[in-house]
């Protein structure tokens, strides 16, 4: 039976390409999730008779919402829903399923790297038929629909057994429950030399992968331990838990400190890695060396040809504006186009769909390629393993050789989390107002060359995205970038990106925060960080 139910007024929060993110109790309000899901369905042209993918990272309220999506899809004319077993699908695996099954789109249930639990974060986002996040015109349409929607449609009756792989019917709609790992693992086997990686593990190579009690645990167990032969116990925190075991599933040096400490110890294995809540971010650490996401992107691009899936070379490289210019130097040497985009995977999606780039990445630990339309944490780990298997050198040696060849972009991100929103916005307003006066200003030994707010002209669809972050560029290749992040559910996060280029082999191996000390001081002076936030130090340094 299909019911039409009056819904409640939406609270006015405008979802972005990361979807709608709020605390779990907000989604538990009667009619609240239904309102947003129905608004998504109302904005999908051609949904009648089409296929929809649904799944998420296993956080609290994931399974209940998966069942809700299925019941509402049955009432809204979809012919088939493909769901991950137990409601589980990593974000890159969902992107792959959408593309492989020619689905009209997918609903991904996740709040990415944010904490999970009954009082913590939850999210609902829509990915389009290319497997990537909905573009702004679609999210704007969904938001507009939430402001006028008065009812939703839902199917009652029937049993949905998300724990059993196979087919069932809900009214006229077919529900297919799939193993969330199988299709993704098969895709990885087409891209990487599993024989070479398997031989490397058989020779005694050891690694530690921290799944952070999040979604990549089942994928890592199957691929790393079962298919590649890594020792049992290589994957830790490998069972997805509704509260991520109390962890904050963000693969950075604060929340993955145990892994970092291991990799810096005398007992370190050869390689360490981690992924986040929904499986789209990565952390790479070699024995005695942390590889920044910006350096990792450059190194993966420079060495991608060592993997079968990229043996013919790359079409181009793309990076988000806050990501360091290390990848630019690789693109220049390889004679490839380099695209600098705003933060957000949708911008990469346009370039990937147009065949203009093959590999892309963001400094926030997201890296990926044209195999899907999302960043992909485990993909990055496997490409690193392929490179290590072919080069037969430790991570530190590979990284330092890269710096000698291309120069080193000393780089760090300072996050001020949970800042009062009014104070954060005031900081950015004052900073923007000062941009026209900053050219030529001297701060210590630094001379400001230019200062602007980054705007992007999309070479594929001609769209213009303005106000994408404030950039202060110093002479000699150093810079500082300021952005407010929208990935949290309370307060604001001020992100400050600091970068210094060093092409001198005599000095480039120094400690990063020391190398950036004068730029850190300049950033506070230019933006009044301590004055506005009341903070004397960042909460997270990456």
Protein backbone atom coordinates (compact mmCIF):
# COMPACT_ATOMS: atom_id res chain seq x y z
CA UNK A 1 0.00 0.00 0.00
CA UNK A 2 1.24 3.47 -0.91
CA UNK A 3 0.48 6.31 1.48
CA UNK A 4 0.66 10.05 0.86
CA UNK A 5 1.57 11.83 4.11
CA UNK A 6 1.61 15.50 5.02
CA UNK A 7 5.15 16.60 5.84
CA UNK A 8 6.60 19.18 8.22
CA UNK A 9 8.15 22.52 7.25
CA UNK A 10 11.84 22.26 6.39
CA UNK A 11 14.20 24.16 8.71
CA UNK A 12 15.81 26.19 5.94
CA UNK A 13 19.32 24.70 5.96
CA UNK A 14 20.58 24.73 2.40
CA UNK A 15 22.31 21.44 1.50
CA UNK A 16 25.53 21.60 -0.48
CA UNK A 17 27.16 19.00 -2.72
CA UNK A 18 27.97 17.09 0.48
CA UNK A 19 24.23 16.83 1.03
CA UNK A 20 22.29 17.65 4.17
CA UNK A 21 24.22 17.15 7.39
CA UNK A 22 22.77 17.58 10.86
CA UNK A 23 22.69 15.80 14.20
CA UNK A 24 20.83 12.49 14.30
CA UNK A 25 17.90 13.83 16.39
CA UNK A 26 17.08 16.29 13.60
CA UNK A 27 16.68 13.43 11.11
CA UNK A 28 14.61 11.50 13.66
CA UNK A 29 11.91 14.16 13.72
CA UNK A 30 8.69 12.77 12.20
CA UNK A 31 8.65 13.67 8.52
CA UNK A 32 12.05 15.41 8.46
CA UNK A 33 14.07 12.82 6.53
CA UNK A 34 11.00 12.04 4.44
CA UNK A 35 10.76 15.70 3.45
CA UNK A 36 14.31 15.82 2.13
CA UNK A 37 14.18 12.43 0.39
CA UNK A 38 10.91 13.32 -1.33
CA UNK A 39 12.41 16.64 -2.44
CA UNK A 40 15.30 14.71 -4.02
CA UNK A 41 12.91 12.35 -5.81
CA UNK A 42 10.78 15.25 -7.04
CA UNK A 43 13.87 16.72 -8.72
CA UNK A 44 14.90 13.51 -10.54
CA UNK A 45 13.59 13.71 -14.08
CA UNK A 46 12.80 10.30 -15.56
CA UNK A 47 12.73 8.40 -12.28
CA UNK A 48 9.75 6.31 -13.41
CA UNK A 49 11.07 2.83 -14.25
CA UNK A 50 14.68 3.70 -13.38
CA UNK A 51 17.27 2.22 -10.98
CA UNK A 52 18.41 3.87 -7.75
CA UNK A 53 21.43 2.92 -5.58
CA UNK A 54 21.33 3.42 -1.81
CA UNK A 55 23.75 2.75 1.03
CA UNK A 56 25.99 4.44 3.54
CA UNK A 57 28.85 4.24 5.97
CA UNK A 58 27.08 2.27 8.70
CA UNK A 59 26.88 5.09 11.20
CA UNK A 60 23.96 5.38 13.62
CA UNK A 61 20.60 5.74 11.80
CA UNK A 62 22.08 4.38 8.54
CA UNK A 63 20.06 1.17 8.33
CA UNK A 64 16.75 2.80 9.27
CA UNK A 65 17.22 5.49 6.63
CA UNK A 66 18.22 2.92 4.00
CA UNK A 67 14.90 1.16 4.56
CA UNK A 68 13.08 4.50 4.43
CA UNK A 69 14.68 5.37 1.09
CA UNK A 70 13.68 1.98 -0.32
CA UNK A 71 10.05 2.36 0.78
CA UNK A 72 9.82 5.88 -0.58
CA UNK A 73 11.46 4.82 -3.86
CA UNK A 74 8.79 2.13 -4.26
CA UNK A 75 6.10 4.78 -3.87
CA UNK A 76 7.78 7.14 -6.33
CA UNK A 77 7.89 4.96 -9.42
CA UNK A 78 11.41 3.49 -9.38
CA UNK A 79 11.68 0.06 -10.97
CA UNK A 80 14.65 -1.14 -8.91
CA UNK A 81 16.68 -0.19 -5.86
CA UNK A 82 20.15 -1.65 -5.37
CA UNK A 83 21.21 -1.54 -1.72
CA UNK A 84 24.37 -2.62 0.04
CA UNK A 85 23.97 -5.48 2.49
CA UNK A 86 23.05 -4.12 5.93
CA UNK A 87 22.79 -0.70 4.30
CA UNK A 88 26.58 -0.55 3.85
CA UNK A 89 28.28 1.07 0.84
CA UNK A 90 31.41 3.17 0.87
CA UNK A 91 31.04 6.40 -1.07
CA UNK A 92 33.42 5.32 -3.90
CA UNK A 93 31.75 1.90 -4.06
CA UNK A 94 28.36 3.60 -4.39
CA UNK A 95 29.74 5.76 -7.20
CA UNK A 96 31.01 2.63 -8.96
CA UNK A 97 27.65 0.86 -8.59
CA UNK A 98 25.77 3.85 -10.02
CA UNK A 99 28.04 3.85 -13.05
CA UNK A 100 28.22 0.07 -13.53
CA UNK A 101 24.47 -0.49 -13.23
CA UNK A 102 23.54 2.61 -15.28
CA UNK A 103 21.46 3.89 -12.37
CA UNK A 104 19.74 7.25 -12.57
CA UNK A 105 21.53 8.16 -9.36
CA UNK A 106 22.11 7.17 -5.78
CA UNK A 107 21.44 8.29 -2.24
CA UNK A 108 24.49 8.05 0.01
CA UNK A 109 23.98 8.14 3.76
CA UNK A 110 27.00 9.59 5.48
CA UNK A 111 28.46 12.56 7.28
CA UNK A 112 31.89 11.67 5.90
CA UNK A 113 34.62 11.97 8.54
CA UNK A 114 32.36 13.45 11.26
CA UNK A 115 31.62 11.51 14.47
CA UNK A 116 28.71 9.07 14.62
CA UNK A 117 26.28 8.03 17.33
CA UNK A 118 22.77 8.73 18.64
CA UNK A 119 23.57 12.40 19.29
CA UNK A 120 26.23 12.83 16.62
CA UNK A 121 26.21 13.50 12.88
CA UNK A 122 24.23 12.05 10.00
CA UNK A 123 23.87 13.03 6.37
CA UNK A 124 21.91 12.37 3.20
CA UNK A 125 23.30 13.29 -0.22
CA UNK A 126 22.32 12.64 -3.80
CA UNK A 127 24.74 11.52 -6.51
CA UNK A 128 23.73 11.79 -10.16
CA UNK A 129 24.00 9.26 -12.98
CA UNK A 130 27.72 9.86 -13.53
CA UNK A 131 28.31 8.61 -9.97
CA UNK A 132 29.39 12.02 -8.69
CA UNK A 133 27.91 14.52 -6.24
CA UNK A 134 24.94 16.47 -7.52
CA UNK A 135 26.00 19.75 -9.13
CA UNK A 136 24.93 23.06 -7.66
CA UNK A 137 21.96 23.50 -9.99
CA UNK A 138 20.55 20.19 -8.72
CA UNK A 139 21.17 20.91 -5.03
CA UNK A 140 19.59 24.34 -5.49
CA UNK A 141 16.53 22.71 -7.05
CA UNK A 142 16.30 20.22 -4.18
CA UNK A 143 16.53 23.02 -1.64
CA UNK A 144 13.84 25.02 -3.42
CA UNK A 145 11.60 21.98 -3.42
CA UNK A 146 12.04 21.54 0.35
CA UNK A 147 10.60 25.01 0.82
CA UNK A 148 7.32 24.19 -0.91
CA UNK A 149 6.83 20.47 -0.38
CA UNK A 150 3.68 19.53 1.52
CA UNK A 151 3.59 15.73 1.33
CA UNK A 152 5.67 12.62 0.74
CA UNK A 153 4.88 9.18 -0.65
CA UNK A 154 5.84 5.91 1.02
CA UNK A 155 5.06 2.20 0.54
CA UNK A 156 3.85 0.14 3.48
CA UNK A 157 3.82 -3.62 3.91
CA UNK A 158 6.33 -6.22 2.78
CA UNK A 159 9.59 -7.14 4.47
CA UNK A 160 12.96 -5.72 3.52
CA UNK A 161 15.76 -8.01 4.67
CA UNK A 162 18.89 -5.90 4.23
CA UNK A 163 20.99 -8.63 5.78
CA UNK A 164 20.38 -11.13 2.97
CA UNK A 165 21.97 -10.87 -0.47
CA UNK A 166 19.47 -11.44 -3.23
CA UNK A 167 16.25 -10.13 -4.76
CA UNK A 168 12.90 -9.22 -3.29
CA UNK A 169 9.89 -7.18 -4.33
CA UNK A 170 8.25 -4.24 -2.64
CA UNK A 171 5.04 -3.74 -4.55
CA UNK A 172 6.00 -3.39 -8.20
CA UNK A 173 9.59 -2.45 -7.40
CA UNK A 174 12.50 -4.91 -7.27
CA UNK A 175 14.96 -4.61 -4.39
CA UNK A 176 18.41 -6.09 -4.94
CA UNK A 177 20.68 -6.44 -1.92
CA UNK A 178 24.32 -6.80 -2.96
CA UNK A 179 27.61 -7.57 -1.29
CA UNK A 180 29.01 -4.04 -0.91
CA UNK A 181 32.60 -5.16 -1.60
CA UNK A 182 32.45 -7.45 -4.65
CA UNK A 183 31.99 -4.97 -7.51
CA UNK A 184 34.44 -2.49 -6.00
CA UNK A 185 37.13 -5.14 -5.46
CA UNK A 186 36.70 -6.34 -9.05
CA UNK A 187 37.22 -2.78 -10.28
CA UNK A 188 40.44 -2.46 -8.26
CA UNK A 189 41.78 -5.67 -9.86
CA UNK A 190 41.46 -4.04 -13.29
CA UNK A 191 43.52 -1.02 -12.22
CA UNK A 192 46.39 -2.46 -10.20
CA UNK A 193 48.94 -5.25 -10.51
CA UNK A 194 47.63 -7.54 -7.81
CA UNK A 195 50.24 -10.19 -8.66
CA UNK A 196 53.10 -7.77 -7.99
CA UNK A 197 51.54 -6.53 -4.75
CA UNK A 198 50.82 -10.11 -3.67
CA UNK A 199 54.47 -11.04 -4.30
CA UNK A 200 55.60 -8.04 -2.26
CA UNK A 201 53.52 -9.17 0.74
CA UNK A 202 54.78 -12.74 0.29
CA UNK A 203 58.37 -11.46 0.48
CA UNK A 204 57.76 -10.13 4.00
CA UNK A 205 56.45 -6.62 3.32
CA UNK A 206 54.26 -5.51 6.23
CA UNK A 207 51.68 -2.78 6.61
CA UNK A 208 49.04 -1.49 9.01
CA UNK A 209 45.67 -0.25 7.76
CA UNK A 210 43.42 1.53 10.26
CA UNK A 211 39.79 1.41 9.08
CA UNK A 212 38.80 3.57 12.08
CA UNK A 213 35.77 1.31 12.81
CA UNK A 214 34.22 2.77 9.69
CA UNK A 215 33.08 1.61 6.29
CA UNK A 216 36.37 0.57 4.65
CA UNK A 217 36.95 -2.27 7.11
CA UNK A 218 35.17 -4.94 5.01
CA UNK A 219 36.80 -3.66 1.82
CA UNK A 220 40.28 -3.69 3.36
CA UNK A 221 39.85 -7.15 4.89
CA UNK A 222 38.76 -8.58 1.54
CA UNK A 223 41.26 -6.81 -0.71
CA UNK A 224 44.37 -6.47 1.47
CA UNK A 225 44.19 -9.65 3.52
CA UNK A 226 42.13 -12.06 1.41
CA UNK A 227 43.10 -11.16 -2.16
CA UNK A 228 46.58 -9.65 -1.72
CA UNK A 229 47.81 -11.90 1.08
CA UNK A 230 48.63 -9.30 3.73
CA UNK A 231 48.99 -10.91 7.14
CA UNK A 232 45.90 -11.32 9.28
CA UNK A 233 45.77 -8.38 11.63
CA UNK A 234 47.05 -5.97 8.98
CA UNK A 235 43.62 -4.30 9.10
CA UNK A 236 42.73 -2.89 12.52
CA UNK A 237 39.42 -1.39 13.64
CA UNK A 238 37.97 -3.24 10.67
CA UNK A 239 34.34 -3.67 11.76
CA UNK A 240 32.02 -0.75 10.95
CA UNK A 241 30.32 0.43 14.14
CA UNK A 242 27.39 2.87 14.50
CA UNK A 243 29.51 5.17 16.68
CA UNK A 244 32.83 4.27 15.01
CA UNK A 245 33.89 2.76 18.33
CA UNK A 246 34.03 6.23 19.84
CA UNK A 247 36.63 7.24 17.26
CA UNK A 248 36.51 10.41 15.22
CA UNK A 249 36.89 8.76 11.80
CA UNK A 250 39.03 11.46 10.22
CA UNK A 251 42.37 10.09 8.96
CA UNK A 252 44.66 12.86 10.17
CA UNK A 253 47.57 12.99 12.58
CA UNK A 254 45.34 13.83 15.54
CA UNK A 255 42.63 11.21 15.15
CA UNK A 256 44.96 8.53 13.76
CA UNK A 257 47.72 9.27 16.28
CA UNK A 258 48.14 5.62 17.26
CA UNK A 259 48.99 4.74 13.65
CA UNK A 260 51.32 7.71 13.36
CA UNK A 261 53.14 6.79 16.59
CA UNK A 262 53.58 3.22 15.35
CA UNK A 263 55.00 4.37 12.02
CA UNK A 264 57.51 6.65 13.77
CA UNK A 265 58.63 3.91 16.17
CA UNK A 266 61.47 1.37 15.80
CA UNK A 267 58.80 -1.35 15.34
CA UNK A 268 57.14 0.35 12.37
CA UNK A 269 55.97 -1.83 9.49
CA UNK A 270 56.91 -0.81 5.95
CA UNK A 271 53.71 1.10 5.24
CA UNK A 272 50.80 2.62 7.13
CA UNK A 273 47.46 3.91 5.89
CA UNK A 274 43.97 4.80 7.06
CA UNK A 275 40.64 5.83 5.63
CA UNK A 276 37.70 7.81 6.94
CA UNK A 277 34.04 7.31 7.85
CA UNK A 278 32.67 6.80 4.34
CA UNK A 279 35.86 5.59 2.66
CA UNK A 280 36.69 8.54 0.43
CA UNK A 281 39.72 9.96 2.26
CA UNK A 282 43.14 8.51 2.97
CA UNK A 283 46.17 8.86 5.21
CA UNK A 284 49.56 7.68 3.94
CA UNK A 285 52.53 7.17 6.29
CA UNK A 286 55.79 5.44 5.49
CA UNK A 287 58.29 4.17 8.02
CA UNK A 288 59.50 7.39 9.62
CA UNK A 289 57.68 9.77 7.24
CA UNK A 290 54.18 11.23 6.95
CA UNK A 291 53.21 11.94 3.35
CA UNK A 292 51.07 15.05 3.08
CA UNK A 293 47.97 14.69 0.89
CA UNK A 294 49.39 17.33 -1.46
CA UNK A 295 52.68 15.45 -1.84
CA UNK A 296 50.78 12.17 -2.19
CA UNK A 297 48.78 13.55 -5.11
CA UNK A 298 51.98 14.68 -6.86
CA UNK A 299 53.75 11.37 -6.21
CA UNK A 300 50.80 9.29 -7.39
CA UNK A 301 50.55 11.34 -10.58
CA UNK A 302 54.29 11.06 -11.23
CA UNK A 303 54.25 7.27 -10.73
CA UNK A 304 50.78 6.28 -11.93
CA UNK A 305 52.18 4.74 -15.12
CA UNK A 306 53.56 1.90 -12.97
CA UNK A 307 50.00 0.59 -12.47
CA UNK A 308 48.30 -1.23 -15.38
CA UNK A 309 45.22 0.99 -15.29
CA UNK A 310 47.32 4.09 -15.99
CA UNK A 311 50.14 2.59 -18.08
CA UNK A 312 49.15 4.65 -21.14
CA UNK A 313 49.67 7.89 -19.24
CA UNK A 314 47.41 10.59 -17.89
CA UNK A 315 45.13 13.02 -19.72
CA UNK A 316 45.75 15.70 -17.12
CA UNK A 317 45.90 16.46 -13.40
CA UNK A 318 43.53 18.54 -11.30
CA UNK A 319 43.85 19.85 -7.77
CA UNK A 320 41.72 22.03 -5.55
CA UNK A 321 42.99 25.56 -5.05
CA UNK A 322 44.04 25.06 -1.39
CA UNK A 323 46.12 21.99 -2.35
CA UNK A 324 49.83 22.72 -2.71
CA UNK A 325 51.42 23.33 -6.10
CA UNK A 326 53.48 20.12 -5.91
CA UNK A 327 51.26 18.49 -8.56
CA UNK A 328 51.74 21.50 -10.84
CA UNK A 329 55.44 20.68 -11.14
CA UNK A 330 54.67 17.09 -12.10
CA UNK A 331 52.17 18.24 -14.73
CA UNK A 332 54.71 20.67 -16.17
CA UNK A 333 57.42 18.02 -16.48
CA UNK A 334 55.04 15.47 -18.02
CA UNK A 335 53.61 18.04 -20.41
CA UNK A 336 50.11 17.64 -19.00
CA UNK A 337 47.39 20.22 -18.42
CA UNK A 338 46.91 21.21 -14.76
CA UNK A 339 43.53 22.44 -13.55
CA UNK A 340 43.13 24.41 -10.32
CA UNK A 341 39.54 24.15 -9.09
CA UNK A 342 37.51 25.19 -6.05
CA UNK A 343 37.16 22.69 -3.24
CA UNK A 344 34.46 20.13 -4.05
CA UNK A 345 34.55 16.92 -6.08
CA UNK A 346 31.82 18.14 -8.44
CA UNK A 347 34.41 20.35 -10.17
CA UNK A 348 36.63 17.35 -10.79
CA UNK A 349 33.61 15.42 -12.05
CA UNK A 350 33.12 17.84 -14.94
CA UNK A 351 36.79 17.52 -15.94
CA UNK A 352 36.75 13.72 -15.59
CA UNK A 353 33.57 13.35 -17.62
CA UNK A 354 35.09 15.52 -20.36
CA UNK A 355 38.27 13.41 -20.44
CA UNK A 356 40.45 16.38 -19.53
CA UNK A 357 42.05 14.79 -16.44
CA UNK A 358 42.79 11.32 -15.10
CA UNK A 359 43.97 11.94 -11.53
CA UNK A 360 42.79 14.62 -9.13
CA UNK A 361 43.02 15.44 -5.47
CA UNK A 362 42.35 17.74 -2.56
CA UNK A 363 44.61 18.63 0.33
CA UNK A 364 41.95 17.33 2.73
CA UNK A 365 43.16 13.77 2.04
CA UNK A 366 40.89 13.09 -0.92
CA UNK A 367 42.49 11.60 -4.03
CA UNK A 368 40.94 9.77 -6.95
CA UNK A 369 40.90 9.10 -10.66
CA UNK A 370 38.53 8.58 -13.55
CA UNK A 371 37.55 5.09 -12.31
CA UNK A 372 34.69 6.65 -10.29
CA UNK A 373 33.42 10.18 -9.65
CA UNK A 374 34.27 10.41 -5.98
CA UNK A 375 37.52 10.56 -4.10
CA UNK A 376 38.60 7.08 -3.05
CA UNK A 377 40.68 6.31 0.02
CA UNK A 378 41.42 2.63 -0.60
CA UNK A 379 42.22 3.33 -4.27
CA UNK A 380 44.98 5.70 -3.15
CA UNK A 381 46.36 3.05 -0.78
CA UNK A 382 46.39 0.43 -3.54
CA UNK A 383 48.12 2.75 -6.00
CA UNK A 384 50.79 3.41 -3.38
CA UNK A 385 51.20 -0.34 -2.86
CA UNK A 386 51.51 -0.86 -6.63
CA UNK A 387 54.23 1.82 -6.80
CA UNK A 388 56.09 0.27 -3.86
CA UNK A 389 55.86 -3.20 -5.43
CA UNK A 390 57.36 -2.00 -8.72
CA UNK A 391 59.99 0.42 -7.42
CA UNK A 392 61.05 -1.82 -4.54
CA UNK A 393 62.07 1.21 -2.46
CA UNK A 394 60.76 2.38 0.91
CA UNK A 395 58.28 5.26 1.06
CA UNK A 396 60.79 7.69 2.55
CA UNK A 397 63.30 7.08 -0.22
CA UNK A 398 60.65 7.56 -2.90
CA UNK A 399 59.39 10.80 -1.35
CA UNK A 400 62.84 12.31 -0.86
CA UNK A 401 63.87 11.41 -4.42
CA UNK A 402 60.73 13.17 -5.64
CA UNK A 403 61.62 16.32 -3.68
CA UNK A 404 65.13 16.34 -5.12
CA UNK A 405 63.70 16.11 -8.63
CA UNK A 406 60.79 18.53 -8.34
CA UNK A 407 61.56 20.64 -5.26
CA UNK A 408 59.55 20.53 -2.05
CA UNK A 409 56.40 22.43 -1.24
CA UNK A 410 56.53 22.65 2.56
CA UNK A 411 52.85 22.59 3.38
CA UNK A 412 50.47 22.45 6.32
CA UNK A 413 46.82 23.08 7.14
CA UNK A 414 45.78 24.62 10.44
CA UNK A 415 42.16 24.01 11.46
CA UNK A 416 40.34 26.11 14.05
CA UNK A 417 37.27 24.00 14.79
CA UNK A 418 33.95 24.97 16.34
CA UNK A 419 34.61 28.68 15.95
CA UNK A 420 31.64 30.95 16.60
CA UNK A 421 30.04 31.44 13.18
CA UNK A 422 29.64 35.19 13.58
CA UNK A 423 33.29 35.58 14.59
CA UNK A 424 34.47 33.43 11.68
CA UNK A 425 32.39 35.38 9.18
CA UNK A 426 33.63 38.67 10.60
CA UNK A 427 37.24 37.50 10.12
CA UNK A 428 36.60 36.67 6.48
CA UNK A 429 34.73 39.95 5.83
CA UNK A 430 37.59 42.03 7.23
CA UNK A 431 40.14 40.02 5.30
CA UNK A 432 38.26 40.45 2.02
CA UNK A 433 37.94 44.17 2.62
CA UNK A 434 41.72 44.48 2.98
CA UNK A 435 42.72 42.61 -0.20
CA UNK A 436 43.12 45.68 -2.39
CA UNK A 437 45.63 47.20 0.05
CA UNK A 438 47.89 44.18 0.55
CA UNK A 439 49.96 44.14 -2.67
CA UNK A 440 53.59 45.03 -1.91
CA UNK A 441 53.16 44.84 1.87
CA UNK A 442 56.21 43.53 3.73
CA UNK A 443 55.87 41.25 6.75
CA UNK A 444 59.28 40.28 8.07
CA UNK A 445 61.14 38.77 5.13
CA UNK A 446 57.92 38.12 3.21
CA UNK A 447 56.69 40.41 0.43
CA UNK A 448 53.07 40.08 -0.69
CA UNK A 449 52.91 39.79 -4.46
CA UNK A 450 49.14 39.49 -4.93
CA UNK A 451 46.02 39.03 -2.81
CA UNK A 452 42.64 37.98 -4.16
CA UNK A 453 39.52 35.87 -3.76
CA UNK A 454 39.74 32.79 -5.97
CA UNK A 455 37.19 32.48 -8.78
CA UNK A 456 36.90 29.53 -11.14
CA UNK A 457 35.73 29.49 -14.73
CA UNK A 458 34.75 25.91 -15.54
CA UNK A 459 36.27 24.97 -18.93
CA UNK A 460 33.56 22.33 -19.50
CA UNK A 461 30.23 24.01 -18.80
CA UNK A 462 31.32 27.66 -18.67
CA UNK A 463 29.99 28.21 -15.16
CA UNK A 464 31.70 30.66 -12.82
CA UNK A 465 32.23 29.94 -9.11
CA UNK A 466 33.22 32.97 -7.07
CA UNK A 467 34.32 33.53 -3.46
CA UNK A 468 36.16 30.22 -3.22
CA UNK A 469 38.81 31.26 -0.72
CA UNK A 470 41.12 34.17 0.02
CA UNK A 471 44.67 33.81 -1.33
CA UNK A 472 47.72 35.75 -0.20
CA UNK A 473 50.66 35.04 -2.53
CA UNK A 474 54.18 36.00 -1.50
CA UNK A 475 57.14 36.44 -3.80
CA UNK A 476 59.11 33.22 -4.29
CA UNK A 477 56.19 30.81 -4.36
CA UNK A 478 54.97 30.94 -0.76
CA UNK A 479 51.33 31.61 0.10
CA UNK A 480 48.57 31.43 2.69
CA UNK A 481 44.93 30.62 1.93
CA UNK A 482 41.90 31.17 4.19
CA UNK A 483 38.59 29.30 3.89
CA UNK A 484 35.59 28.48 6.02
CA UNK A 485 34.58 24.84 5.80
CA UNK A 486 31.00 23.65 5.61
CA UNK A 487 31.61 20.00 6.55
CA UNK A 488 30.65 20.31 10.22
CA UNK A 489 27.24 20.52 11.89
CA UNK A 490 28.00 23.02 14.65
CA UNK A 491 29.95 26.26 14.54
CA UNK A 492 32.44 27.01 11.79
CA UNK A 493 35.83 25.59 10.92
CA UNK A 494 38.43 28.11 9.80
CA UNK A 495 41.01 26.43 7.59
CA UNK A 496 44.34 28.16 7.05
CA UNK A 497 46.60 26.66 4.36
CA UNK A 498 50.31 27.51 4.54
CA UNK A 499 52.86 26.80 1.83
CA UNK A 500 56.53 27.51 1.08
CA UNK A 501 58.39 26.25 -1.98
CA UNK A 502 62.00 25.13 -1.43
CA UNK A 503 64.12 23.93 -4.33
CA UNK A 504 67.35 23.72 -2.35
CA UNK A 505 68.41 20.14 -1.42
CA UNK A 506 70.45 21.60 1.44
CA UNK A 507 67.40 23.00 3.23
CA UNK A 508 64.32 21.21 1.88
CA UNK A 509 64.42 18.33 4.39
CA UNK A 510 63.76 20.55 7.42
CA UNK A 511 60.77 20.26 9.77
CA UNK A 512 57.60 21.66 8.21
CA UNK A 513 56.21 23.83 11.00
CA UNK A 514 59.63 25.42 11.52
CA UNK A 515 59.96 26.08 7.79
CA UNK A 516 56.54 27.75 7.81
CA UNK A 517 57.00 29.76 11.03
CA UNK A 518 57.15 33.19 9.40
CA UNK A 519 54.14 32.40 7.18
CA UNK A 520 52.16 31.24 10.24
CA UNK A 521 52.98 34.56 11.94
CA UNK A 522 52.01 36.50 8.83
CA UNK A 523 48.69 34.65 8.57
CA UNK A 524 47.69 35.67 12.08
CA UNK A 525 48.75 39.26 11.48
CA UNK A 526 46.85 39.50 8.19
CA UNK A 527 43.60 37.89 9.40
CA UNK A 528 43.61 38.60 13.13
CA UNK A 529 43.01 34.92 13.89
CA UNK A 530 43.65 35.15 17.64
CA UNK A 531 41.67 38.38 17.89
CA UNK A 532 38.60 36.99 16.15
CA UNK A 533 38.59 33.40 17.41
CA UNK A 534 40.16 33.74 20.85
CA UNK A 535 42.47 30.86 19.90
CA UNK A 536 46.23 31.01 20.22
CA UNK A 537 46.77 27.75 18.34
CA UNK A 538 44.85 25.57 15.89
CA UNK A 539 42.89 22.53 17.04
CA UNK A 540 44.28 20.32 14.28
CA UNK A 541 47.54 20.62 12.34
CA UNK A 542 47.83 18.48 9.23
